[in-house]
Amino acid sequence: MFERSDRIRIETRLLAVIVVPILIMAFIYLYFLQPRSAELFAWEINPPIMAAFVGAGYLGGSYYFIRVIFERRWHRVAAGLWPVGAFVWFMFLTTILHWERFDKGHFPFQLWLAIYSATPFLIPIVWWRNRPADPGTPEAVDATVPDWLRLLTGGIGAIFFAFALVCFLFPDFVAGVWFWKISPLMTRVLGGWSALMGTGGLMLFPDRRWSAWRIQIESMFVWHFLVVIACFANLGDFHKPLNFFVIGESAGLLGFVAIYVHMTRRARVSSESQP
């Protein structure tokens, strides 16, 4: 039976196969070709740090979906679909609210519209169909995530999700206090990425298995490693070069490394203690 088999369904892998090339293209267009974003992307994104932030997020997402394609066990990637689902719903609603901002005859926008009209429904369906496969048990060689780390991750997740709602409901307020010049449209896009991070933390919180955390942490590291590089490459985009965003991104990146190293060591000790 498929239930509790920990297998990834074919439709889950197929969805990943479809989205990975799109995410990689978006990363290239926004991270390396930002001056041509009006031509290559759904709309022009300024300043460069904003485009790099979004582009890096797309590469982090492509890393996650590549793992979905090749992974053998569902529970290792299961926690990542809810964050993606939250993100695509934010993008869908943002597109509707800023409809007049877009060039409807522009092919990249038409592709954007097709993706963010379909995925808010496809992602939950795919997750729901694959959900029963998770056995809910640790792997033979696994590590238990300590309670303090689960509570910290869940608390940070709740803060990020709350900030996402503020971005979505009060974009003008956030734009007025943000670290670089940002439009209401991009403030809501920023909220979507914050919702992804927030939902990710909330989804990881109840799961004690390091094997269910690892790929999500790796994906976040890919994203924020590139964001930190972009911050120092585009310091002129900030209102003040030394600011809480740059400090927070750098500290968060170190946090991901610390978590990964700590939990990898715990998994190694668990492995060595096996008979």
C-alpha atoms as a PDB file:
ATOM      1  CA  MET A   1       0.000   0.000   0.000  1.00  0.00           C
ATOM      2  CA  PHE A   2       1.102   3.576  -0.663  1.00  0.00           C
ATOM      3  CA  GLU A   3       0.064   4.728   2.828  1.00  0.00           C
ATOM      4  CA  ARG A   4       3.072   4.975   5.193  1.00  0.00           C
ATOM      5  CA  SER A   5       5.374   3.878   2.368  1.00  0.00           C
ATOM      6  CA  ASP A   6       7.363   7.167   2.542  1.00  0.00           C
ATOM      7  CA  ARG A   7       7.313   7.265  -1.255  1.00  0.00           C
ATOM      8  CA  ILE A   8       7.006  10.410  -3.345  1.00  0.00           C
ATOM      9  CA  ARG A   9       4.122  10.243  -5.787  1.00  0.00           C
ATOM     10  CA  ILE A  10       4.782  10.650  -9.494  1.00  0.00           C
ATOM     11  CA  GLU A  11       2.646  13.808  -9.697  1.00  0.00           C
ATOM     12  CA  THR A  12       4.750  15.387  -6.938  1.00  0.00           C
ATOM     13  CA  ARG A  13       7.922  14.713  -8.921  1.00  0.00           C
ATOM     14  CA  LEU A  14       6.278  15.884 -12.149  1.00  0.00           C
ATOM     15  CA  LEU A  15       5.328  19.213 -10.579  1.00  0.00           C
ATOM     16  CA  ALA A  16       8.938  19.635  -9.479  1.00  0.00           C
ATOM     17  CA  VAL A  17      10.245  18.791 -12.963  1.00  0.00           C
ATOM     18  CA  ILE A  18       8.024  21.501 -14.459  1.00  0.00           C
ATOM     19  CA  VAL A  19       8.881  24.285 -12.016  1.00  0.00           C
ATOM     20  CA  VAL A  20      12.658  23.797 -11.686  1.00  0.00           C
ATOM     21  CA  PRO A  21      13.614  25.255 -15.119  1.00  0.00           C
ATOM     22  CA  ILE A  22      11.293  28.213 -14.546  1.00  0.00           C
ATOM     23  CA  LEU A  23      12.802  28.929 -11.130  1.00  0.00           C
ATOM     24  CA  ILE A  24      16.348  28.709 -12.460  1.00  0.00           C
ATOM     25  CA  MET A  25      15.536  31.115 -15.304  1.00  0.00           C
ATOM     26  CA  ALA A  26      13.977  33.560 -12.842  1.00  0.00           C
ATOM     27  CA  PHE A  27      17.120  33.355 -10.711  1.00  0.00           C
ATOM     28  CA  ILE A  28      19.391  34.130 -13.670  1.00  0.00           C
ATOM     29  CA  TYR A  29      17.221  36.990 -14.904  1.00  0.00           C
ATOM     30  CA  LEU A  30      16.922  38.695 -11.522  1.00  0.00           C
ATOM     31  CA  TYR A  31      20.248  37.945  -9.869  1.00  0.00           C
ATOM     32  CA  PHE A  32      22.567  38.485 -12.841  1.00  0.00           C
ATOM     33  CA  LEU A  33      20.489  40.382 -15.428  1.00  0.00           C
ATOM     34  CA  GLN A  34      18.506  42.814 -13.266  1.00  0.00           C
ATOM     35  CA  PRO A  35      18.932  45.767 -15.711  1.00  0.00           C
ATOM     36  CA  ARG A  36      16.965  43.687 -18.244  1.00  0.00           C
ATOM     37  CA  SER A  37      14.254  42.600 -15.794  1.00  0.00           C
ATOM     38  CA  ALA A  38      11.604  44.674 -17.595  1.00  0.00           C
ATOM     39  CA  GLU A  39      12.318  42.640 -20.742  1.00  0.00           C
ATOM     40  CA  LEU A  40      13.012  39.205 -19.259  1.00  0.00           C
ATOM     41  CA  PHE A  41      10.856  39.064 -16.129  1.00  0.00           C
ATOM     42  CA  ALA A  42       7.150  39.668 -15.528  1.00  0.00           C
ATOM     43  CA  TRP A  43       7.898  43.318 -14.690  1.00  0.00           C
ATOM     44  CA  GLU A  44      10.870  45.549 -13.945  1.00  0.00           C
ATOM     45  CA  ILE A  45      12.276  45.123 -10.436  1.00  0.00           C
ATOM     46  CA  ASN A  46      14.351  47.859  -8.790  1.00  0.00           C
ATOM     47  CA  PRO A  47      16.661  48.423  -7.016  1.00  0.00           C
ATOM     48  CA  PRO A  48      19.160  45.621  -7.758  1.00  0.00           C
ATOM     49  CA  ILE A  49      19.161  44.365  -4.144  1.00  0.00           C
ATOM     50  CA  MET A  50      15.406  43.697  -4.379  1.00  0.00           C
ATOM     51  CA  ALA A  51      15.829  41.770  -7.616  1.00  0.00           C
ATOM     52  CA  ALA A  52      18.741  39.808  -6.136  1.00  0.00           C
ATOM     53  CA  PHE A  53      16.727  38.965  -3.008  1.00  0.00           C
ATOM     54  CA  VAL A  54      13.886  37.547  -5.108  1.00  0.00           C
ATOM     55  CA  GLY A  55      16.218  35.821  -7.570  1.00  0.00           C
ATOM     56  CA  ALA A  56      18.163  34.150  -4.772  1.00  0.00           C
ATOM     57  CA  GLY A  57      14.888  32.917  -3.328  1.00  0.00           C
ATOM     58  CA  TYR A  58      14.042  31.289  -6.635  1.00  0.00           C
ATOM     59  CA  LEU A  59      17.368  29.442  -6.652  1.00  0.00           C
ATOM     60  CA  GLY A  60      16.707  28.239  -3.108  1.00  0.00           C
ATOM     61  CA  GLY A  61      13.342  27.005  -4.346  1.00  0.00           C
ATOM     62  CA  SER A  62      14.913  25.263  -7.331  1.00  0.00           C
ATOM     63  CA  TYR A  63      17.315  23.469  -4.981  1.00  0.00           C
ATOM     64  CA  TYR A  64      14.349  22.215  -2.940  1.00  0.00           C
ATOM     65  CA  PHE A  65      12.418  20.999  -5.994  1.00  0.00           C
ATOM     66  CA  ILE A  66      15.502  19.305  -7.456  1.00  0.00           C
ATOM     67  CA  ARG A  67      15.689  17.337  -4.231  1.00  0.00           C
ATOM     68  CA  VAL A  68      11.995  16.480  -4.617  1.00  0.00           C
ATOM     69  CA  ILE A  69      12.739  15.038  -8.078  1.00  0.00           C
ATOM     70  CA  PHE A  70      15.517  12.740  -6.887  1.00  0.00           C
ATOM     71  CA  GLU A  71      14.671  12.089  -3.238  1.00  0.00           C
ATOM     72  CA  ARG A  72      13.475   8.606  -2.261  1.00  0.00           C
ATOM     73  CA  ARG A  73      11.663   9.447   0.982  1.00  0.00           C
ATOM     74  CA  TRP A  74       8.650  11.739   1.184  1.00  0.00           C
ATOM     75  CA  HIS A  75       9.102  12.867   4.783  1.00  0.00           C
ATOM     76  CA  ARG A  76      12.441  14.460   3.880  1.00  0.00           C
ATOM     77  CA  VAL A  77      10.735  17.026   1.616  1.00  0.00           C
ATOM     78  CA  ALA A  78       7.186  17.099   2.985  1.00  0.00           C
ATOM     79  CA  ALA A  79       7.646  20.192   5.163  1.00  0.00           C
ATOM     80  CA  GLY A  80       8.682  22.283   2.171  1.00  0.00           C
ATOM     81  CA  LEU A  81       5.404  22.232   0.261  1.00  0.00           C
ATOM     82  CA  TRP A  82       3.360  24.215   2.785  1.00  0.00           C
ATOM     83  CA  PRO A  83       5.815  27.162   2.684  1.00  0.00           C
ATOM     84  CA  VAL A  84       5.706  27.081  -1.124  1.00  0.00           C
ATOM     85  CA  GLY A  85       1.911  26.986  -0.934  1.00  0.00           C
ATOM     86  CA  ALA A  86       1.832  30.080   1.292  1.00  0.00           C
ATOM     87  CA  PHE A  87       4.200  31.892  -1.064  1.00  0.00           C
ATOM     88  CA  VAL A  88       2.233  31.187  -4.238  1.00  0.00           C
ATOM     89  CA  TRP A  89      -1.017  32.325  -2.595  1.00  0.00           C
ATOM     90  CA  PHE A  90       0.645  35.618  -1.650  1.00  0.00           C
ATOM     91  CA  MET A  91       1.850  36.026  -5.245  1.00  0.00           C
ATOM     92  CA  PHE A  92      -1.576  35.206  -6.647  1.00  0.00           C
ATOM     93  CA  LEU A  93      -3.349  37.744  -4.425  1.00  0.00           C
ATOM     94  CA  THR A  94      -0.653  40.355  -5.020  1.00  0.00           C
ATOM     95  CA  THR A  95      -1.102  39.978  -8.774  1.00  0.00           C
ATOM     96  CA  ILE A  96      -4.841  40.571  -8.450  1.00  0.00           C
ATOM     97  CA  LEU A  97      -4.408  43.601  -6.177  1.00  0.00           C
ATOM     98  CA  HIS A  98      -1.854  45.225  -8.521  1.00  0.00           C
ATOM     99  CA  TRP A  99      -3.443  44.141 -11.791  1.00  0.00           C
ATOM    100  CA  GLU A 100      -3.139  47.580 -13.353  1.00  0.00           C
ATOM    101  CA  ARG A 101       0.628  47.543 -12.776  1.00  0.00           C
ATOM    102  CA  PHE A 102       1.305  44.769 -15.319  1.00  0.00           C
ATOM    103  CA  ASP A 103       1.635  44.652 -19.102  1.00  0.00           C
ATOM    104  CA  LYS A 104      -0.867  41.907 -19.984  1.00  0.00           C
ATOM    105  CA  GLY A 105       0.639  41.463 -23.455  1.00  0.00           C
ATOM    106  CA  HIS A 106       4.121  40.787 -22.069  1.00  0.00           C
ATOM    107  CA  PHE A 107       4.886  37.053 -22.377  1.00  0.00           C
ATOM    108  CA  PRO A 108       6.901  36.782 -19.121  1.00  0.00           C
ATOM    109  CA  PHE A 109       3.899  38.239 -17.273  1.00  0.00           C
ATOM    110  CA  GLN A 110       1.567  35.812 -19.020  1.00  0.00           C
ATOM    111  CA  LEU A 111       3.833  32.978 -17.838  1.00  0.00           C
ATOM    112  CA  TRP A 112       3.846  34.468 -14.329  1.00  0.00           C
ATOM    113  CA  LEU A 113       0.055  34.654 -14.371  1.00  0.00           C
ATOM    114  CA  ALA A 114      -0.299  31.045 -15.536  1.00  0.00           C
ATOM    115  CA  ILE A 115       2.079  29.794 -12.836  1.00  0.00           C
ATOM    116  CA  TYR A 116       0.559  31.752  -9.968  1.00  0.00           C
ATOM    117  CA  SER A 117      -3.000  31.012 -11.034  1.00  0.00           C
ATOM    118  CA  ALA A 118      -2.411  27.239 -11.064  1.00  0.00           C
ATOM    119  CA  THR A 119       0.074  26.554  -8.262  1.00  0.00           C
ATOM    120  CA  PRO A 120      -2.066  27.917  -5.382  1.00  0.00           C
ATOM    121  CA  PHE A 121      -4.382  24.980  -6.089  1.00  0.00           C
ATOM    122  CA  LEU A 122      -1.892  22.388  -7.352  1.00  0.00           C
ATOM    123  CA  ILE A 123       0.496  22.628  -4.391  1.00  0.00           C
ATOM    124  CA  PRO A 124      -2.133  21.809  -1.719  1.00  0.00           C
ATOM    125  CA  ILE A 125      -3.553  18.986  -3.850  1.00  0.00           C
ATOM    126  CA  VAL A 126      -0.127  17.433  -4.388  1.00  0.00           C
ATOM    127  CA  TRP A 127       0.704  17.720  -0.675  1.00  0.00           C
ATOM    128  CA  TRP A 128      -2.652  16.243   0.359  1.00  0.00           C
ATOM    129  CA  ARG A 129      -2.280  13.243  -1.932  1.00  0.00           C
ATOM    130  CA  ASN A 130       1.276  12.556  -0.762  1.00  0.00           C
ATOM    131  CA  ARG A 131       0.607  13.304   2.927  1.00  0.00           C
ATOM    132  CA  PRO A 132      -0.413   9.740   4.005  1.00  0.00           C
ATOM    133  CA  ALA A 133       2.948   8.359   2.871  1.00  0.00           C
ATOM    134  CA  ASP A 134       4.801   9.852   5.853  1.00  0.00           C
ATOM    135  CA  PRO A 135       5.310   7.062   8.409  1.00  0.00           C
ATOM    136  CA  GLY A 136       5.835   9.635  11.161  1.00  0.00           C
ATOM    137  CA  THR A 137       8.840   7.720  12.494  1.00  0.00           C
ATOM    138  CA  PRO A 138      12.550   8.584  12.434  1.00  0.00           C
ATOM    139  CA  GLU A 139      14.901   6.904  10.013  1.00  0.00           C
ATOM    140  CA  ALA A 140      17.081   4.033  11.149  1.00  0.00           C
ATOM    141  CA  VAL A 141      19.951   6.499  11.479  1.00  0.00           C
ATOM    142  CA  ASP A 142      18.525   9.874  12.437  1.00  0.00           C
ATOM    143  CA  ALA A 143      18.862  12.599  15.049  1.00  0.00           C
ATOM    144  CA  THR A 144      16.248  14.134  17.317  1.00  0.00           C
ATOM    145  CA  VAL A 145      15.895  17.910  17.021  1.00  0.00           C
ATOM    146  CA  PRO A 146      16.113  19.336  20.554  1.00  0.00           C
ATOM    147  CA  ASP A 147      13.069  21.131  21.975  1.00  0.00           C
ATOM    148  CA  TRP A 148      14.888  24.455  22.302  1.00  0.00           C
ATOM    149  CA  LEU A 149      15.676  24.453  18.583  1.00  0.00           C
ATOM    150  CA  ARG A 150      12.115  23.512  17.639  1.00  0.00           C
ATOM    151  CA  LEU A 151      10.707  26.281  19.854  1.00  0.00           C
ATOM    152  CA  LEU A 152      13.180  28.821  18.471  1.00  0.00           C
ATOM    153  CA  THR A 153      12.376  27.845  14.878  1.00  0.00           C
ATOM    154  CA  GLY A 154       8.626  27.925  15.494  1.00  0.00           C
ATOM    155  CA  GLY A 155       8.844  31.302  17.245  1.00  0.00           C
ATOM    156  CA  ILE A 156      10.909  32.857  14.462  1.00  0.00           C
ATOM    157  CA  GLY A 157       8.498  31.358  11.950  1.00  0.00           C
ATOM    158  CA  ALA A 158       5.543  32.994  13.697  1.00  0.00           C
ATOM    159  CA  ILE A 159       7.326  36.367  13.652  1.00  0.00           C
ATOM    160  CA  PHE A 160       8.095  36.087   9.945  1.00  0.00           C
ATOM    161  CA  PHE A 161       4.518  35.110   9.132  1.00  0.00           C
ATOM    162  CA  ALA A 162       3.182  38.039  11.177  1.00  0.00           C
ATOM    163  CA  PHE A 163       5.515  40.348   9.268  1.00  0.00           C
ATOM    164  CA  ALA A 164       4.214  38.869   6.000  1.00  0.00           C
ATOM    165  CA  LEU A 165       0.674  39.843   6.974  1.00  0.00           C
ATOM    166  CA  VAL A 166       1.819  43.358   7.847  1.00  0.00           C
ATOM    167  CA  CYS A 167       3.509  43.648   4.437  1.00  0.00           C
ATOM    168  CA  PHE A 168       0.362  42.473   2.693  1.00  0.00           C
ATOM    169  CA  LEU A 169      -2.150  44.560   4.667  1.00  0.00           C
ATOM    170  CA  PHE A 170      -0.085  47.709   5.182  1.00  0.00           C
ATOM    171  CA  PRO A 171       2.378  47.916   2.274  1.00  0.00           C
ATOM    172  CA  ASP A 172       2.690  51.707   2.384  1.00  0.00           C
ATOM    173  CA  PHE A 173       3.680  51.612   6.054  1.00  0.00           C
ATOM    174  CA  VAL A 174       6.346  48.952   5.467  1.00  0.00           C
ATOM    175  CA  ALA A 175       7.646  50.770   2.372  1.00  0.00           C
ATOM    176  CA  GLY A 176       8.084  53.892   4.474  1.00  0.00           C
ATOM    177  CA  VAL A 177      10.375  52.211   6.981  1.00  0.00           C
ATOM    178  CA  TRP A 178      12.091  49.584   4.806  1.00  0.00           C
ATOM    179  CA  PHE A 179      15.859  49.491   4.275  1.00  0.00           C
ATOM    180  CA  TRP A 180      15.773  50.377   0.578  1.00  0.00           C
ATOM    181  CA  LYS A 181      13.329  52.118  -1.723  1.00  0.00           C
ATOM    182  CA  ILE A 182      10.438  49.733  -2.313  1.00  0.00           C
ATOM    183  CA  SER A 183       7.016  50.017  -3.974  1.00  0.00           C
ATOM    184  CA  PRO A 184       3.741  48.686  -2.505  1.00  0.00           C
ATOM    185  CA  LEU A 185       3.797  45.910  -5.118  1.00  0.00           C
ATOM    186  CA  MET A 186       7.282  44.794  -4.118  1.00  0.00           C
ATOM    187  CA  THR A 187       6.389  45.163  -0.428  1.00  0.00           C
ATOM    188  CA  ARG A 188       3.674  42.543  -0.914  1.00  0.00           C
ATOM    189  CA  VAL A 189       6.127  40.370  -2.872  1.00  0.00           C
ATOM    190  CA  LEU A 190       8.504  40.725   0.074  1.00  0.00           C
ATOM    191  CA  GLY A 191       5.617  39.618   2.275  1.00  0.00           C
ATOM    192  CA  GLY A 192       5.249  36.484   0.176  1.00  0.00           C
ATOM    193  CA  TRP A 193       8.868  35.519   0.777  1.00  0.00           C
ATOM    194  CA  SER A 194       8.454  36.270   4.471  1.00  0.00           C
ATOM    195  CA  ALA A 195       5.373  34.022   4.501  1.00  0.00           C
ATOM    196  CA  LEU A 196       7.461  31.250   2.943  1.00  0.00           C
ATOM    197  CA  MET A 197      10.067  31.524   5.691  1.00  0.00           C
ATOM    198  CA  GLY A 198       7.448  31.858   8.402  1.00  0.00           C
ATOM    199  CA  THR A 199       5.424  28.878   7.258  1.00  0.00           C
ATOM    200  CA  GLY A 200       8.626  26.876   6.948  1.00  0.00           C
ATOM    201  CA  GLY A 201       9.483  27.505  10.582  1.00  0.00           C
ATOM    202  CA  LEU A 202       5.965  26.648  11.718  1.00  0.00           C
ATOM    203  CA  MET A 203       5.955  23.422   9.700  1.00  0.00           C
ATOM    204  CA  LEU A 204       9.295  22.276  11.091  1.00  0.00           C
ATOM    205  CA  PHE A 205       8.386  23.076  14.695  1.00  0.00           C
ATOM    206  CA  PRO A 206       6.309  19.921  15.463  1.00  0.00           C
ATOM    207  CA  ASP A 207       8.670  17.501  13.695  1.00  0.00           C
ATOM    208  CA  ARG A 208      11.483  16.054  15.827  1.00  0.00           C
ATOM    209  CA  ARG A 209      13.251  14.242  12.954  1.00  0.00           C
ATOM    210  CA  TRP A 210      16.417  15.887  11.632  1.00  0.00           C
ATOM    211  CA  SER A 211      15.870  13.951   8.404  1.00  0.00           C
ATOM    212  CA  ALA A 212      12.673  16.006   7.923  1.00  0.00           C
ATOM    213  CA  TRP A 213      14.538  19.286   8.536  1.00  0.00           C
ATOM    214  CA  ARG A 214      17.770  18.865   6.609  1.00  0.00           C
ATOM    215  CA  ILE A 215      16.710  19.651   3.037  1.00  0.00           C
ATOM    216  CA  GLN A 216      14.661  22.652   4.153  1.00  0.00           C
ATOM    217  CA  ILE A 217      17.700  24.072   5.980  1.00  0.00           C
ATOM    218  CA  GLU A 218      19.903  23.471   2.945  1.00  0.00           C
ATOM    219  CA  SER A 219      17.414  25.293   0.725  1.00  0.00           C
ATOM    220  CA  MET A 220      17.311  28.274   3.099  1.00  0.00           C
ATOM    221  CA  PHE A 221      21.108  28.353   3.204  1.00  0.00           C
ATOM    222  CA  VAL A 222      21.351  28.507  -0.604  1.00  0.00           C
ATOM    223  CA  TRP A 223      18.893  31.417  -0.676  1.00  0.00           C
ATOM    224  CA  HIS A 224      20.386  33.503   2.120  1.00  0.00           C
ATOM    225  CA  PHE A 225      24.004  32.840   1.175  1.00  0.00           C
ATOM    226  CA  LEU A 226      23.266  34.524  -2.150  1.00  0.00           C
ATOM    227  CA  VAL A 227      21.344  37.322  -0.422  1.00  0.00           C
ATOM    228  CA  VAL A 228      24.312  38.109   1.828  1.00  0.00           C
ATOM    229  CA  ILE A 229      26.594  38.282  -1.224  1.00  0.00           C
ATOM    230  CA  ALA A 230      24.093  40.591  -2.945  1.00  0.00           C
ATOM    231  CA  CYS A 231      23.880  42.831   0.134  1.00  0.00           C
ATOM    232  CA  PHE A 232      27.605  43.568   0.115  1.00  0.00           C
ATOM    233  CA  ALA A 233      27.639  43.908  -3.679  1.00  0.00           C
ATOM    234  CA  ASN A 234      24.804  46.470  -3.578  1.00  0.00           C
ATOM    235  CA  LEU A 235      25.394  48.451  -0.393  1.00  0.00           C
ATOM    236  CA  GLY A 236      24.561  51.621  -2.304  1.00  0.00           C
ATOM    237  CA  ASP A 237      20.930  50.495  -2.615  1.00  0.00           C
ATOM    238  CA  PHE A 238      20.388  50.776   1.142  1.00  0.00           C
ATOM    239  CA  HIS A 239      19.386  53.989   2.865  1.00  0.00           C
ATOM    240  CA  LYS A 240      22.239  53.255   5.288  1.00  0.00           C
ATOM    241  CA  PRO A 241      25.031  50.790   4.362  1.00  0.00           C
ATOM    242  CA  LEU A 242      25.162  49.397   7.907  1.00  0.00           C
ATOM    243  CA  ASN A 243      21.621  48.337   8.753  1.00  0.00           C
ATOM    244  CA  PHE A 244      19.612  45.654  10.511  1.00  0.00           C
ATOM    245  CA  PHE A 245      18.783  43.851   7.251  1.00  0.00           C
ATOM    246  CA  VAL A 246      22.435  43.201   6.384  1.00  0.00           C
ATOM    247  CA  ILE A 247      23.236  42.316   9.996  1.00  0.00           C
ATOM    248  CA  GLY A 248      20.171  40.076  10.259  1.00  0.00           C
ATOM    249  CA  GLU A 249      20.894  38.266   6.998  1.00  0.00           C
ATOM    250  CA  SER A 250      24.500  37.653   8.011  1.00  0.00           C
ATOM    251  CA  ALA A 251      23.478  36.429  11.468  1.00  0.00           C
ATOM    252  CA  GLY A 252      20.738  34.242   9.986  1.00  0.00           C
ATOM    253  CA  LEU A 253      23.181  32.645   7.559  1.00  0.00           C
ATOM    254  CA  LEU A 254      25.541  31.836  10.420  1.00  0.00           C
ATOM    255  CA  GLY A 255      22.551  30.421  12.284  1.00  0.00           C
ATOM    256  CA  PHE A 256      21.729  28.044   9.433  1.00  0.00           C
ATOM    257  CA  VAL A 257      25.357  26.874   9.392  1.00  0.00           C
ATOM    258  CA  ALA A 258      25.375  26.388  13.164  1.00  0.00           C
ATOM    259  CA  ILE A 259      22.126  24.387  13.098  1.00  0.00           C
ATOM    260  CA  TYR A 260      23.358  22.217  10.251  1.00  0.00           C
ATOM    261  CA  VAL A 261      26.714  21.485  11.870  1.00  0.00           C
ATOM    262  CA  HIS A 262      25.149  20.820  15.284  1.00  0.00           C
ATOM    263  CA  MET A 263      22.485  18.461  13.954  1.00  0.00           C
ATOM    264  CA  THR A 264      24.902  16.671  11.609  1.00  0.00           C
ATOM    265  CA  ARG A 265      27.102  15.916  14.601  1.00  0.00           C
ATOM    266  CA  ARG A 266      24.088  14.626  16.542  1.00  0.00           C
ATOM    267  CA  ALA A 267      23.174  12.376  13.611  1.00  0.00           C
ATOM    268  CA  ARG A 268      26.747  11.079  13.458  1.00  0.00           C
ATOM    269  CA  VAL A 269      26.717  10.264  17.186  1.00  0.00           C
ATOM    270  CA  SER A 270      23.371   8.507  16.710  1.00  0.00           C
ATOM    271  CA  SER A 271      24.834   6.479  13.863  1.00  0.00           C
ATOM    272  CA  GLU A 272      27.898   5.474  15.863  1.00  0.00           C
ATOM    273  CA  SER A 273      25.736   4.360  18.770  1.00  0.00           C
ATOM    274  CA  GLN A 274      23.760   1.960  16.591  1.00  0.00           C
ATOM    275  CA  PRO A 275      24.590  -1.722  17.235  1.00  0.00           C
END
